[in-house]
Protein backbone atom coordinates (compact mmCIF):
# COMPACT_ATOMS: atom_id res chain seq x y z
CA UNK A 1 90.17 70.66 -59.51
CA UNK A 2 87.58 72.96 -61.09
CA UNK A 3 85.63 75.04 -58.68
CA UNK A 4 81.91 74.30 -58.63
CA UNK A 5 79.76 77.33 -59.44
CA UNK A 6 77.76 78.70 -56.53
CA UNK A 7 73.98 78.55 -56.73
CA UNK A 8 73.66 81.22 -54.03
CA UNK A 9 73.28 84.21 -56.46
CA UNK A 10 70.62 82.36 -58.42
CA UNK A 11 68.54 81.72 -55.31
CA UNK A 12 68.21 85.45 -54.75
CA UNK A 13 67.19 85.92 -58.43
CA UNK A 14 64.52 83.21 -58.26
CA UNK A 15 61.72 85.39 -56.73
CA UNK A 16 62.23 88.01 -59.46
CA UNK A 17 62.21 85.32 -62.16
CA UNK A 18 59.03 83.77 -60.72
CA UNK A 19 57.33 87.17 -60.49
CA UNK A 20 58.24 88.07 -64.07
CA UNK A 21 57.15 84.59 -65.31
CA UNK A 22 53.79 84.69 -63.52
CA UNK A 23 52.77 88.30 -64.12
CA UNK A 24 54.52 89.29 -67.35
CA UNK A 25 55.90 86.49 -69.53
CA UNK A 26 52.99 84.16 -68.92
CA UNK A 27 50.22 86.63 -69.68
CA UNK A 28 52.17 87.97 -72.62
CA UNK A 29 52.53 84.49 -74.14
CA UNK A 30 48.78 83.91 -73.50
CA UNK A 31 47.90 87.13 -75.24
CA UNK A 32 50.08 86.34 -78.27
CA UNK A 33 48.48 82.96 -78.53
CA UNK A 34 44.98 84.42 -78.15
CA UNK A 35 45.57 86.71 -81.10
CA UNK A 36 45.45 83.60 -83.35
CA UNK A 37 42.21 82.23 -81.86
CA UNK A 38 38.74 82.58 -83.37
CA UNK A 39 35.39 83.64 -81.98
CA UNK A 40 32.39 81.53 -82.87
CA UNK A 41 28.97 82.20 -81.46
CA UNK A 42 30.49 84.75 -79.02
CA UNK A 43 32.90 82.15 -77.60
CA UNK A 44 36.65 81.99 -78.09
CA UNK A 45 38.00 78.76 -79.56
CA UNK A 46 41.77 77.97 -79.63
CA UNK A 47 43.06 77.93 -83.13
CA UNK A 48 46.02 79.10 -85.20
CA UNK A 49 44.85 81.43 -87.96
CA UNK A 50 46.01 84.85 -89.12
CA UNK A 51 42.52 86.12 -89.67
CA UNK A 52 42.60 88.52 -86.73
CA UNK A 53 45.93 90.01 -87.74
CA UNK A 54 44.79 90.43 -91.32
CA UNK A 55 41.53 91.98 -90.15
CA UNK A 56 43.14 94.57 -87.88
CA UNK A 57 46.27 95.47 -89.84
CA UNK A 58 44.40 95.92 -93.05
CA UNK A 59 41.86 98.41 -91.62
CA UNK A 60 42.38 102.13 -91.77
CA UNK A 61 40.74 102.76 -88.39
CA UNK A 62 43.49 100.73 -86.72
CA UNK A 63 46.30 102.78 -88.28
CA UNK A 64 44.46 106.00 -87.58
CA UNK A 65 44.25 105.02 -83.90
CA UNK A 66 47.89 103.89 -83.88
CA UNK A 67 49.27 107.19 -85.24
CA UNK A 68 46.96 109.25 -82.99
CA UNK A 69 48.25 107.29 -79.97
CA UNK A 70 51.88 107.50 -81.10
CA UNK A 71 51.85 111.23 -81.86
CA UNK A 72 49.97 112.12 -78.67
CA UNK A 73 52.37 110.04 -76.57
CA UNK A 74 55.38 111.64 -78.22
CA UNK A 75 53.93 115.15 -77.78
CA UNK A 76 53.06 114.43 -74.15
CA UNK A 77 56.58 113.07 -73.42
CA UNK A 78 58.17 116.07 -75.12
CA UNK A 79 55.94 118.59 -73.27
CA UNK A 80 56.47 116.90 -69.94
CA UNK A 81 60.26 116.92 -70.45
CA UNK A 82 60.33 120.59 -71.48
CA UNK A 83 58.00 121.76 -68.70
CA UNK A 84 59.82 119.68 -66.07
CA UNK A 85 63.31 120.84 -66.91
CA UNK A 86 63.21 124.36 -65.45
CA UNK A 87 61.71 123.04 -62.20
CA UNK A 88 64.20 120.17 -62.08
CA UNK A 89 67.12 122.57 -62.82
CA UNK A 90 66.03 124.88 -60.00
CA UNK A 91 65.64 122.03 -57.52
CA UNK A 92 69.03 120.59 -58.43
CA UNK A 93 71.11 123.79 -58.61
CA UNK A 94 69.23 126.63 -56.94
CA UNK A 95 67.85 125.07 -53.73
CA UNK A 96 69.29 123.40 -50.67
CA UNK A 97 69.17 119.68 -50.14
CA UNK A 98 66.40 120.08 -47.52
CA UNK A 99 64.20 122.08 -49.92
CA UNK A 100 64.82 119.49 -52.64
CA UNK A 101 63.77 116.65 -50.31
CA UNK A 102 60.53 118.40 -49.40
CA UNK A 103 59.88 119.18 -53.09
CA UNK A 104 60.31 115.55 -54.04
CA UNK A 105 57.96 114.58 -51.23
CA UNK A 106 55.23 116.97 -52.48
CA UNK A 107 55.74 115.73 -56.03
CA UNK A 108 55.02 112.20 -54.77
CA UNK A 109 51.91 113.23 -52.83
CA UNK A 110 49.61 113.38 -55.90
CA UNK A 111 50.22 109.66 -56.43
CA UNK A 112 48.56 109.02 -53.04
CA UNK A 113 45.26 109.92 -54.72
CA UNK A 114 43.58 107.76 -57.31
CA UNK A 115 44.39 108.99 -60.85
CA UNK A 116 40.76 108.53 -61.77
CA UNK A 117 39.70 110.92 -59.03
CA UNK A 118 42.14 113.55 -60.32
CA UNK A 119 40.72 113.15 -63.83
CA UNK A 120 37.17 113.66 -62.55
CA UNK A 121 38.42 116.85 -60.82
CA UNK A 122 39.79 118.03 -64.17
CA UNK A 123 36.38 117.33 -65.73
CA UNK A 124 34.87 119.88 -63.33
CA UNK A 125 37.66 122.44 -63.87
CA UNK A 126 37.63 122.17 -67.70
CA UNK A 127 33.89 122.19 -68.17
CA UNK A 128 32.25 124.89 -70.27
CA UNK A 129 30.78 126.52 -67.14
CA UNK A 130 33.66 125.42 -64.88
CA UNK A 131 36.04 127.54 -62.79
CA UNK A 132 38.67 127.99 -65.48
CA UNK A 133 36.22 129.38 -67.97
CA UNK A 134 34.72 131.57 -65.22
CA UNK A 135 38.14 133.03 -64.47
CA UNK A 136 38.85 133.64 -68.16
CA UNK A 137 35.42 135.25 -68.49
CA UNK A 138 36.49 137.83 -65.88
CA UNK A 139 39.13 139.11 -68.29
CA UNK A 140 36.90 138.95 -71.30
CA UNK A 141 38.09 135.61 -72.70
CA UNK A 142 36.19 132.44 -73.54
CA UNK A 143 34.29 130.37 -72.85
CA UNK A 144 36.57 127.79 -74.47
CA UNK A 145 35.74 124.19 -75.18
CA UNK A 146 38.42 122.22 -73.28
CA UNK A 147 36.63 118.94 -72.56
CA UNK A 148 36.37 116.24 -75.23
CA UNK A 149 39.28 117.72 -77.10
CA UNK A 150 42.93 116.86 -77.59
CA UNK A 151 43.75 119.64 -75.14
CA UNK A 152 41.74 117.93 -72.44
CA UNK A 153 43.50 114.65 -73.07
CA UNK A 154 46.91 116.38 -72.92
CA UNK A 155 45.99 117.90 -69.53
CA UNK A 156 45.25 114.40 -68.26
CA UNK A 157 48.56 113.13 -69.65
CA UNK A 158 50.47 115.91 -67.86
CA UNK A 159 48.66 115.10 -64.63
CA UNK A 160 49.88 111.53 -64.91
CA UNK A 161 53.49 111.99 -66.00
CA UNK A 162 54.74 115.49 -65.14
CA UNK A 163 55.55 114.87 -61.44
CA UNK A 164 57.34 111.68 -62.30
CA UNK A 165 59.42 113.39 -64.98
CA UNK A 166 60.35 116.24 -62.61
CA UNK A 167 61.52 113.66 -60.05
CA UNK A 168 63.64 111.71 -62.54
CA UNK A 169 65.19 114.79 -64.01
CA UNK A 170 65.97 116.24 -60.55
CA UNK A 171 67.78 113.08 -59.46
CA UNK A 172 69.81 113.06 -62.66
CA UNK A 173 70.72 116.74 -62.51
CA UNK A 174 71.55 116.68 -58.79
CA UNK A 175 74.02 113.84 -59.43
CA UNK A 176 76.16 115.87 -61.84
CA UNK A 177 79.68 116.45 -60.63
CA UNK A 178 79.85 120.18 -59.80
CA UNK A 179 83.56 120.13 -60.69
CA UNK A 180 82.59 119.77 -64.37
CA UNK A 181 80.46 122.96 -64.22
CA UNK A 182 83.22 124.86 -62.44
CA UNK A 183 85.77 123.70 -65.00
CA UNK A 184 83.51 124.87 -67.84
CA UNK A 185 83.19 128.32 -66.27
CA UNK A 186 86.93 128.55 -65.66
CA UNK A 187 87.48 127.81 -69.32
CA UNK A 188 85.28 130.74 -70.29
CA UNK A 189 81.99 128.96 -71.13
CA UNK A 190 78.96 131.19 -70.77
CA UNK A 191 75.80 129.88 -68.97
CA UNK A 192 74.15 128.79 -72.29
CA UNK A 193 77.24 126.83 -73.37
CA UNK A 194 77.60 125.26 -69.93
CA UNK A 195 73.97 124.17 -70.05
CA UNK A 196 74.05 122.56 -73.49
CA UNK A 197 77.63 121.31 -73.55
CA UNK A 198 78.12 120.18 -69.98
CA UNK A 199 74.92 119.89 -67.94
CA UNK A 200 72.53 118.28 -70.47
CA UNK A 201 75.11 115.75 -71.75
CA UNK A 202 76.01 114.82 -68.17
CA UNK A 203 72.36 114.28 -67.26
CA UNK A 204 71.48 112.66 -70.60
CA UNK A 205 70.60 109.25 -69.13
CA UNK A 206 68.09 110.70 -66.64
CA UNK A 207 66.60 113.01 -69.19
CA UNK A 208 66.01 110.22 -71.72
CA UNK A 209 64.68 107.83 -69.08
CA UNK A 210 62.20 110.51 -67.96
CA UNK A 211 61.07 111.00 -71.57
CA UNK A 212 60.63 107.29 -72.27
CA UNK A 213 58.69 106.75 -69.00
CA UNK A 214 56.33 109.53 -70.03
CA UNK A 215 55.98 108.03 -73.48
CA UNK A 216 55.25 104.51 -72.15
CA UNK A 217 52.65 105.72 -69.65
CA UNK A 218 50.81 107.91 -72.09
CA UNK A 219 50.96 105.45 -74.98
CA UNK A 220 48.88 102.93 -73.07
CA UNK A 221 46.75 105.53 -71.26
CA UNK A 222 42.95 105.02 -71.36
CA UNK A 223 41.44 107.31 -68.72
CA UNK A 224 42.57 110.73 -70.14
CA UNK A 225 41.60 110.23 -73.80
CA UNK A 226 38.28 108.67 -72.74
CA UNK A 227 37.10 111.06 -69.97
CA UNK A 228 38.87 114.24 -71.04
CA UNK A 229 39.44 113.66 -74.72
CA UNK A 230 35.99 112.35 -75.51
CA UNK A 231 37.22 109.21 -77.27
CA UNK A 232 37.45 111.17 -80.53
CA UNK A 233 39.67 110.36 -82.26
CA UNK A 234 40.12 106.98 -80.52
CA UNK A 235 43.43 105.80 -79.20
CA UNK A 236 44.62 102.20 -79.24
CA UNK A 237 43.53 101.69 -75.64
CA UNK A 238 40.01 102.86 -76.53
CA UNK A 239 40.05 100.68 -79.64
CA UNK A 240 40.81 97.62 -77.46
CA UNK A 241 37.71 98.34 -75.31
CA UNK A 242 35.55 98.94 -78.35
CA UNK A 243 36.79 95.74 -80.01
CA UNK A 244 36.01 93.57 -76.94
CA UNK A 245 32.52 95.05 -76.82
CA UNK A 246 31.92 94.25 -80.49
CA UNK A 247 31.02 90.58 -80.54
CA UNK A 248 33.42 89.66 -77.74
CA UNK A 249 36.35 89.91 -80.18
CA UNK A 250 39.05 89.39 -77.59
CA UNK A 251 41.48 87.90 -80.20
CA UNK A 252 41.35 91.08 -82.27
CA UNK A 253 41.86 93.11 -79.16
CA UNK A 254 44.89 90.93 -78.39
CA UNK A 255 46.33 91.86 -81.77
CA UNK A 256 46.08 95.55 -80.88
CA UNK A 257 47.66 94.88 -77.44
CA UNK A 258 50.59 92.94 -79.00
CA UNK A 259 51.26 95.78 -81.46
CA UNK A 260 51.26 98.16 -78.55
CA UNK A 261 53.73 96.07 -76.55
CA UNK A 262 56.03 95.65 -79.54
CA UNK A 263 56.03 99.42 -80.12
CA UNK A 264 56.84 100.11 -76.49
CA UNK A 265 59.66 97.54 -76.45
CA UNK A 266 61.19 99.11 -79.58
CA UNK A 267 60.87 102.59 -78.11
CA UNK A 268 62.38 101.46 -74.79
CA UNK A 269 65.34 99.71 -76.47
CA UNK A 270 65.97 102.74 -78.69
CA UNK A 271 65.84 105.06 -75.66
CA UNK A 272 68.24 102.91 -73.63
CA UNK A 273 70.63 102.71 -76.60
CA UNK A 274 70.52 106.51 -77.00
CA UNK A 275 70.92 107.06 -73.29
CA UNK A 276 74.08 104.95 -72.97
CA UNK A 277 75.63 105.70 -76.38
CA UNK A 278 79.09 107.17 -75.98
CA UNK A 279 79.70 110.63 -77.46
CA UNK A 280 81.96 110.65 -80.48
């Protein structure tokens, strides 16, 4: 007699499925459907036309915003990964477990404060007559224009993602089997070879996950490019806001949002594939 499958595991999965359906799959389907609607007399009307897609994808300003967003997110994720690695390496290999725990705690503390408040604080610090330019003026430098520039936006991106990347990298590096490092040293590997041939490959999953998290967060970021970057050039998130303000064109804004989500899905799948690909 065939054994009946148990429904017990599915009961525990049900809350997660309901949550994903209500707050992700449902809104995503609605947004995709909305991208085919029309706006008449400032009111959306359900329809199924490709006018919005043709309008947005055939315009140069959309692709300009797309590549600005993509390149800035890639640069921010790369910078965050490179800046985080020395700190993560030190926490994983040069400090005690107690120090590492306290460091992780203090890296989490900034998330207790609203991100918008931190961005407003950076507006004060980066202003033309702000503290940073005052300090630089003491040594005969500046004043530099740091607000309403790509540099200002990048500072905001680092404020958002750098602590998270340090935490993810630290967990990944701390989990490396120390026997692998000792074996490499016993076989005559110098510190540089040990780093690039043993430590980084062993922590590859965590390093890539940290990179893709930084990319995802900065790709859809609105606050930093708006308040610190001056909205010039506009990113996709700023383009969505501008589009909704222009004649209530929510369907066109939905097109931009769908393109963003597709890009992030492709980037996430590529990152996961790279993270778990076996070395030849």
